[in-house]
């Protein structure tokens, strides 16, 4: 799997960065939505 990630990164680094940012944003939204009900 690490070899596949390296291959994808070498072929299109911009797409890899965009996908990584998408994953991070989804995780932030998920964590935020889980903590939001506890704030009120």
N, C-alpha and C. Protein backbone atom coordinates (compact mmCIF):
# COMPACT_ATOMS: atom_id res chain seq x y z
N UNK A 1 0.83 -1.19 0.00
CA UNK A 1 0.00 0.00 0.00
C UNK A 1 0.87 1.25 0.00
N UNK A 2 1.97 1.22 0.73
CA UNK A 2 2.86 2.38 0.75
C UNK A 2 3.42 2.65 -0.64
N UNK A 3 3.69 1.60 -1.38
CA UNK A 3 4.20 1.76 -2.75
C UNK A 3 3.16 2.41 -3.64
N UNK A 4 1.90 2.05 -3.46
CA UNK A 4 0.83 2.65 -4.25
C UNK A 4 0.69 4.14 -3.93
N UNK A 5 0.80 4.50 -2.66
CA UNK A 5 0.71 5.90 -2.27
C UNK A 5 1.87 6.69 -2.88
N UNK A 6 3.07 6.12 -2.85
CA UNK A 6 4.22 6.78 -3.45
C UNK A 6 4.02 6.97 -4.94
N UNK A 7 3.48 5.95 -5.60
CA UNK A 7 3.25 6.04 -7.04
C UNK A 7 2.25 7.14 -7.37
N UNK A 8 1.16 7.20 -6.63
CA UNK A 8 0.15 8.23 -6.86
C UNK A 8 0.73 9.61 -6.60
N UNK A 9 1.52 9.74 -5.53
CA UNK A 9 2.11 11.03 -5.20
C UNK A 9 3.08 11.48 -6.28
N UNK A 10 3.86 10.56 -6.83
CA UNK A 10 4.82 10.94 -7.87
C UNK A 10 4.13 11.31 -9.19
N UNK A 11 2.99 10.67 -9.47
CA UNK A 11 2.30 10.94 -10.73
C UNK A 11 1.51 12.25 -10.68
N UNK A 12 0.87 12.52 -9.56
CA UNK A 12 0.06 13.74 -9.46
C UNK A 12 0.08 14.27 -8.03
N UNK A 13 1.11 15.02 -7.67
CA UNK A 13 1.21 15.50 -6.29
C UNK A 13 0.11 16.49 -5.91
N UNK A 14 -0.39 17.27 -6.87
CA UNK A 14 -1.46 18.22 -6.54
C UNK A 14 -2.74 17.50 -6.16
N UNK A 15 -3.07 16.44 -6.87
CA UNK A 15 -4.28 15.68 -6.55
C UNK A 15 -4.14 15.02 -5.18
N UNK A 16 -2.95 14.55 -4.87
CA UNK A 16 -2.71 13.91 -3.58
C UNK A 16 -2.90 14.91 -2.45
N UNK A 17 -2.37 16.12 -2.63
CA UNK A 17 -2.51 17.16 -1.61
C UNK A 17 -3.97 17.56 -1.46
N UNK A 18 -4.68 17.67 -2.56
CA UNK A 18 -6.10 18.03 -2.50
C UNK A 18 -6.90 16.95 -1.78
N UNK A 19 -6.61 15.69 -2.05
CA UNK A 19 -7.30 14.60 -1.37
C UNK A 19 -6.97 14.59 0.12
N UNK A 20 -5.72 14.85 0.47
CA UNK A 20 -5.34 14.89 1.88
C UNK A 20 -6.05 16.02 2.61
N UNK A 21 -6.16 17.19 1.97
CA UNK A 21 -6.89 18.29 2.59
C UNK A 21 -8.37 17.97 2.75
N UNK A 22 -8.92 17.27 1.79
CA UNK A 22 -10.32 16.85 1.89
C UNK A 22 -10.56 15.91 3.06
N UNK A 23 -9.65 14.98 3.25
CA UNK A 23 -9.77 14.04 4.36
C UNK A 23 -9.66 14.77 5.69
N UNK A 24 -8.71 15.70 5.78
CA UNK A 24 -8.55 16.46 7.02
C UNK A 24 -9.79 17.30 7.30
N UNK A 25 -10.36 17.91 6.28
CA UNK A 25 -11.56 18.73 6.50
C UNK A 25 -12.75 17.88 6.94
N UNK A 26 -12.88 16.70 6.38
CA UNK A 26 -13.97 15.81 6.79
C UNK A 26 -13.80 15.40 8.26
N UNK A 27 -12.57 15.12 8.67
CA UNK A 27 -12.32 14.74 10.06
C UNK A 27 -12.63 15.90 10.99
N UNK A 28 -12.24 17.12 10.60
CA UNK A 28 -12.53 18.30 11.43
C UNK A 28 -14.03 18.51 11.56
N UNK A 29 -14.76 18.36 10.48
CA UNK A 29 -16.22 18.51 10.52
C UNK A 29 -16.84 17.44 11.40
N UNK A 30 -16.36 16.21 11.30
CA UNK A 30 -16.90 15.12 12.11
C UNK A 30 -16.65 15.36 13.59
N UNK A 31 -15.43 15.71 13.94
CA UNK A 31 -15.11 15.96 15.35
C UNK A 31 -15.90 17.16 15.87
N UNK A 32 -15.99 18.20 15.06
CA UNK A 32 -16.77 19.37 15.47
C UNK A 32 -18.23 19.04 15.68
N UNK A 33 -18.80 18.23 14.82
CA UNK A 33 -20.22 17.88 14.97
C UNK A 33 -20.45 16.97 16.16
N UNK A 34 -19.45 16.21 16.55
CA UNK A 34 -19.59 15.36 17.73
C UNK A 34 -19.50 16.18 19.02
N UNK A 35 -18.70 17.23 19.03
CA UNK A 35 -18.54 18.04 20.23
C UNK A 35 -19.57 19.16 20.33
N UNK A 36 -20.21 19.51 19.24
CA UNK A 36 -21.16 20.63 19.24
C UNK A 36 -22.32 20.43 20.22
N UNK A 37 -22.96 19.26 20.28
CA UNK A 37 -24.07 19.11 21.23
C UNK A 37 -23.65 19.26 22.70
N UNK A 38 -22.39 18.96 23.02
CA UNK A 38 -21.93 19.08 24.40
C UNK A 38 -21.71 20.53 24.82
N UNK A 39 -21.64 21.44 23.86
CA UNK A 39 -21.39 22.84 24.20
C UNK A 39 -22.64 23.57 24.66
N UNK A 40 -23.82 23.04 24.33
CA UNK A 40 -25.06 23.75 24.68
C UNK A 40 -25.78 23.09 25.80
